[in-house]
N, C-alpha and C. Protein backbone atom coordinates (compact mmCIF):
# COMPACT_ATOMS: atom_id res chain seq x y z
N MET A 1 -2.71 79.95 185.14
CA MET A 1 -3.07 78.72 184.38
C MET A 1 -1.88 78.13 183.85
N LYS A 2 -1.75 76.91 184.17
CA LYS A 2 -0.74 76.34 183.71
C LYS A 2 -1.08 75.26 182.20
N VAL A 3 -0.04 75.65 181.55
CA VAL A 3 -0.44 75.13 180.16
C VAL A 3 0.71 74.23 179.58
N GLU A 4 0.44 73.12 179.31
CA GLU A 4 1.32 72.07 178.51
C GLU A 4 2.22 72.75 177.78
N PRO A 5 3.71 72.27 177.76
CA PRO A 5 4.42 72.97 176.77
C PRO A 5 4.40 72.60 175.52
N ASN A 6 3.87 71.93 174.95
CA ASN A 6 3.69 71.44 173.45
C ASN A 6 2.52 71.87 172.94
N SER A 7 1.37 72.39 173.79
CA SER A 7 0.22 72.65 173.20
C SER A 7 -0.01 73.88 172.31
N PRO A 8 -1.16 73.86 171.51
CA PRO A 8 -1.15 74.86 170.87
C PRO A 8 -1.45 76.21 171.56
N ALA A 9 -1.88 76.55 172.80
CA ALA A 9 -2.19 77.37 173.63
C ALA A 9 -0.85 78.07 174.18
N ALA A 10 0.32 77.18 174.22
CA ALA A 10 1.58 77.46 174.79
C ALA A 10 2.09 78.47 173.25
N LYS A 11 1.97 77.79 172.69
CA LYS A 11 2.71 78.59 171.22
C LYS A 11 1.86 79.78 170.98
N LEU A 12 0.73 79.84 171.16
CA LEU A 12 -0.20 81.14 171.17
C LEU A 12 0.58 82.34 172.31
N ALA A 13 0.78 81.53 173.41
CA ALA A 13 1.20 82.75 174.40
C ALA A 13 2.70 83.29 174.28
N MET A 14 3.54 82.11 173.48
CA MET A 14 4.78 82.82 173.04
C MET A 14 4.80 83.44 172.10
N MET A 15 4.02 83.61 171.13
CA MET A 15 3.50 84.37 169.76
C MET A 15 3.26 85.73 170.58
N LYS A 16 2.56 86.06 171.54
CA LYS A 16 1.82 87.20 172.06
C LYS A 16 3.03 87.71 172.91
N GLU A 17 3.34 87.01 173.36
CA GLU A 17 4.81 87.78 174.28
C GLU A 17 5.70 88.26 173.06
N SER A 18 5.91 87.70 172.11
CA SER A 18 6.69 88.28 171.23
C SER A 18 6.31 89.62 170.54
N MET A 19 4.99 89.48 170.22
CA MET A 19 4.16 90.64 169.97
C MET A 19 4.28 91.61 170.90
N ARG A 20 4.06 91.57 172.29
CA ARG A 20 4.18 92.36 173.26
C ARG A 20 5.49 93.11 173.41
N CYS A 21 6.74 91.99 173.22
CA CYS A 21 8.08 92.69 173.18
C CYS A 21 8.00 93.54 172.03
N LEU A 22 7.67 93.40 171.06
CA LEU A 22 7.94 94.36 169.67
C LEU A 22 7.24 95.81 170.02
N VAL A 23 5.92 95.64 170.55
CA VAL A 23 5.29 96.91 171.02
C VAL A 23 5.88 97.77 172.07
N PHE A 24 6.13 97.26 173.21
CA PHE A 24 6.61 97.74 174.04
C PHE A 24 8.32 98.11 173.70
N GLY A 25 8.87 97.20 173.01
CA GLY A 25 10.13 97.63 172.78
C GLY A 25 10.17 99.08 171.32
N VAL A 26 8.85 99.06 170.73
CA VAL A 26 9.26 100.39 169.98
C VAL A 26 8.55 101.59 171.05
N LEU A 27 7.63 101.36 171.82
CA LEU A 27 7.52 102.31 172.71
C LEU A 27 8.41 102.76 173.56
N ALA A 28 9.59 102.04 173.72
CA ALA A 28 10.59 102.28 174.62
C ALA A 28 11.55 103.15 173.98
N LEU A 29 11.27 103.59 172.73
CA LEU A 29 12.07 104.62 171.83
C LEU A 29 11.48 105.98 172.21
N LEU A 30 10.36 106.27 172.85
CA LEU A 30 9.91 107.45 173.37
C LEU A 30 10.70 108.06 174.06
N PRO A 31 10.89 109.52 174.11
CA PRO A 31 11.82 109.98 174.81
C PRO A 31 11.25 110.18 176.25
N ILE A 32 12.46 110.04 177.19
CA ILE A 32 11.87 110.37 178.53
C ILE A 32 11.18 109.26 179.11
N ILE A 33 10.17 108.68 178.91
CA ILE A 33 9.59 107.98 179.60
C ILE A 33 9.42 106.60 178.54
N GLY A 34 10.59 106.27 178.12
CA GLY A 34 10.59 104.80 177.67
C GLY A 34 11.25 103.83 178.22
N ILE A 35 11.60 104.33 179.30
CA ILE A 35 12.33 103.23 180.26
C ILE A 35 11.64 102.28 180.90
N PRO A 36 10.25 102.43 181.26
CA PRO A 36 9.59 101.42 181.61
C PRO A 36 9.02 100.57 180.87
N PHE A 37 8.59 101.35 179.49
CA PHE A 37 8.35 100.46 178.45
C PHE A 37 9.48 99.56 177.95
N ALA A 38 10.65 100.00 178.26
CA ALA A 38 11.75 99.07 177.88
C ALA A 38 11.89 97.97 178.82
N LEU A 39 11.66 98.20 180.09
CA LEU A 39 11.90 97.25 180.97
C LEU A 39 10.73 95.85 180.85
N VAL A 40 9.61 96.50 180.61
CA VAL A 40 8.46 95.30 180.01
C VAL A 40 8.78 94.90 178.90
N ALA A 41 9.45 95.44 177.74
CA ALA A 41 9.72 94.75 176.46
C ALA A 41 10.98 93.46 176.81
N LEU A 42 11.81 93.91 177.71
CA LEU A 42 12.80 93.03 178.06
C LEU A 42 12.18 92.07 178.47
N TRP A 43 11.46 91.96 179.86
CA TRP A 43 10.86 90.89 180.47
C TRP A 43 10.07 90.11 179.41
N SER A 44 9.33 90.70 178.27
CA SER A 44 8.41 89.91 177.51
C SER A 44 9.37 89.25 176.43
N SER A 45 10.59 89.78 176.38
CA SER A 45 11.19 88.98 175.25
C SER A 45 12.05 87.57 176.21
N TYR A 46 12.63 88.03 177.48
CA TYR A 46 12.69 86.84 178.12
C TYR A 46 11.92 85.52 178.46
N VAL A 47 10.57 85.95 178.50
CA VAL A 47 9.54 85.07 178.74
C VAL A 47 9.40 84.33 177.40
N ALA A 48 9.72 84.94 176.38
CA ALA A 48 9.27 84.40 174.87
C ALA A 48 10.39 83.22 174.69
N SER A 49 11.80 84.18 175.00
CA SER A 49 12.98 83.03 174.43
C SER A 49 13.02 81.88 175.16
N ARG A 50 12.56 81.86 176.56
CA ARG A 50 12.54 80.37 177.35
C ARG A 50 11.39 79.55 176.61
N ARG A 51 10.39 80.18 176.18
CA ARG A 51 9.59 79.26 175.78
C ARG A 51 10.20 78.38 174.30
N GLU A 52 10.92 79.29 173.49
CA GLU A 52 11.63 79.25 172.70
C GLU A 52 12.29 77.73 172.39
N ARG A 53 12.68 77.33 173.68
CA ARG A 53 13.70 76.49 173.64
C ARG A 53 13.02 75.12 173.43
N GLN A 54 11.71 75.04 173.46
CA GLN A 54 10.71 73.88 173.22
C GLN A 54 10.11 74.10 172.30
N LEU A 55 9.58 75.06 171.58
CA LEU A 55 8.83 75.44 170.55
C LEU A 55 9.07 76.13 169.35
N TRP A 56 9.26 75.94 168.46
CA TRP A 56 9.14 77.17 167.05
C TRP A 56 8.45 78.22 167.32
N ASN A 57 9.09 79.56 166.93
CA ASN A 57 8.69 80.51 167.24
C ASN A 57 8.50 81.49 166.07
N PRO A 58 7.11 81.16 165.38
CA PRO A 58 7.19 82.21 164.19
C PRO A 58 6.96 83.87 164.55
N GLY A 59 7.08 84.40 165.63
CA GLY A 59 7.50 85.69 165.96
C GLY A 59 8.78 85.92 166.41
N ARG A 60 9.71 84.79 166.17
CA ARG A 60 10.85 85.40 166.93
C ARG A 60 11.53 86.69 166.08
N ARG A 61 11.64 86.93 165.26
CA ARG A 61 11.76 88.05 164.72
C ARG A 61 11.50 89.24 165.23
N HIS A 62 10.21 89.68 165.55
CA HIS A 62 9.31 90.38 166.09
C HIS A 62 9.89 90.66 167.55
N ARG A 63 10.34 89.50 167.92
CA ARG A 63 10.89 89.39 169.70
C ARG A 63 12.22 90.02 169.68
N ILE A 64 13.00 89.90 168.33
CA ILE A 64 14.38 90.16 168.30
C ILE A 64 14.32 91.95 168.22
N ALA A 65 13.37 91.95 167.11
CA ALA A 65 13.00 93.51 166.91
C ALA A 65 12.89 94.41 167.93
N GLY A 66 11.78 93.69 169.00
CA GLY A 66 11.56 94.33 169.81
C GLY A 66 12.89 94.42 171.25
N LEU A 67 13.49 93.47 171.12
CA LEU A 67 14.72 93.34 172.20
C LEU A 67 15.67 94.61 171.59
N LEU A 68 16.00 94.61 170.49
CA LEU A 68 16.71 95.57 169.95
C LEU A 68 16.52 97.05 170.26
N CYS A 69 15.21 97.31 169.86
CA CYS A 69 14.70 98.56 170.25
C CYS A 69 14.73 98.85 171.66
N ALA A 70 14.15 97.91 172.55
CA ALA A 70 14.06 98.29 173.84
C ALA A 70 15.59 98.23 174.47
N SER A 71 16.43 97.42 174.17
CA SER A 71 17.65 97.72 174.46
C SER A 71 18.47 99.27 174.26
N PHE A 72 17.80 99.53 173.06
CA PHE A 72 18.45 101.00 172.17
C PHE A 72 18.02 102.01 173.26
N GLY A 73 16.39 101.89 173.09
CA GLY A 73 15.80 102.85 174.11
C GLY A 73 16.39 102.94 175.41
N ALA A 74 16.56 101.92 176.08
CA ALA A 74 16.63 101.66 177.60
C ALA A 74 18.26 102.57 177.84
N LEU A 75 19.35 102.27 177.20
CA LEU A 75 20.91 102.71 176.85
C LEU A 75 20.48 104.24 176.85
N VAL A 76 19.90 104.64 175.55
CA VAL A 76 19.77 106.13 175.41
C VAL A 76 19.44 106.94 176.80
N TRP A 77 18.20 106.61 176.69
CA TRP A 77 17.17 107.32 177.65
C TRP A 77 17.91 107.24 179.04
N SER A 78 18.36 106.24 179.66
CA SER A 78 19.14 105.97 180.48
C SER A 78 19.96 107.25 180.77
N VAL A 79 21.10 107.28 179.80
CA VAL A 79 22.01 108.09 179.78
C VAL A 79 21.43 109.51 179.89
N PHE A 80 20.34 109.72 179.03
CA PHE A 80 19.88 111.12 178.88
C PHE A 80 19.54 111.28 180.17
N ASP A 81 18.52 110.84 180.86
CA ASP A 81 17.87 110.81 182.00
C ASP A 81 19.10 111.06 183.17
N THR A 82 20.10 110.41 183.01
CA THR A 82 20.93 110.65 184.08
C THR A 82 21.66 111.96 184.13
N ILE A 83 22.15 112.31 182.77
CA ILE A 83 22.56 113.56 182.42
C ILE A 83 21.87 114.63 183.02
N LEU A 84 20.87 114.73 182.49
CA LEU A 84 19.41 115.55 182.54
C LEU A 84 19.16 116.24 184.41
N ILE A 85 19.28 114.59 184.87
CA ILE A 85 19.05 114.60 186.59
C ILE A 85 20.50 115.39 187.14
N TYR A 86 21.54 114.93 186.64
CA TYR A 86 23.06 115.74 187.28
C TYR A 86 22.88 117.15 187.08
N HIS A 87 22.67 117.59 185.82
CA HIS A 87 22.55 119.01 185.25
C HIS A 87 21.72 119.51 186.20
N ALA A 88 20.24 119.36 186.97
CA ALA A 88 19.51 119.79 187.60
C ALA A 88 19.93 119.64 189.08
N VAL A 89 20.47 118.73 189.26
CA VAL A 89 21.08 118.41 190.95
C VAL A 89 22.27 119.60 190.88
N SER A 90 23.09 119.76 189.89
CA SER A 90 24.40 120.40 190.37
C SER A 90 23.69 122.13 190.21
N HIS A 91 22.49 122.42 189.19
CA HIS A 91 22.40 123.74 189.18
C HIS A 91 21.43 123.90 190.50
N PHE A 92 20.70 123.41 191.12
CA PHE A 92 20.26 123.46 192.28
C PHE A 92 21.10 123.57 193.62
N ALA A 93 22.37 123.01 193.62
CA ALA A 93 23.25 122.80 194.26
C ALA A 93 23.91 124.27 194.21
N ASP A 94 24.40 124.98 192.91
CA ASP A 94 24.94 126.36 193.19
C ASP A 94 23.89 127.27 193.27
N THR A 95 22.94 127.40 193.24
CA THR A 95 22.15 128.28 194.19
C THR A 95 21.66 128.49 195.25
């Protein structure tokens, strides 16, 4: 469905993406399984920020908070998962 850039539907879609970014950004803080949620939140933030160029987004703070949570969660859990996999592989190789 193509939406005209300045229509109320476009603004609602942008606000919905901002809220989606916040929800998935907070879920990205979950241990181990947070990485897929972080990816969805990062994508939602990208979509909402593209629309912000044309319209004022009242959900901008939500988008930024979700982006920060998603970035932090992705970074922390990627490092943690990498260390966990490294230890598992090195332990398996030693036996």
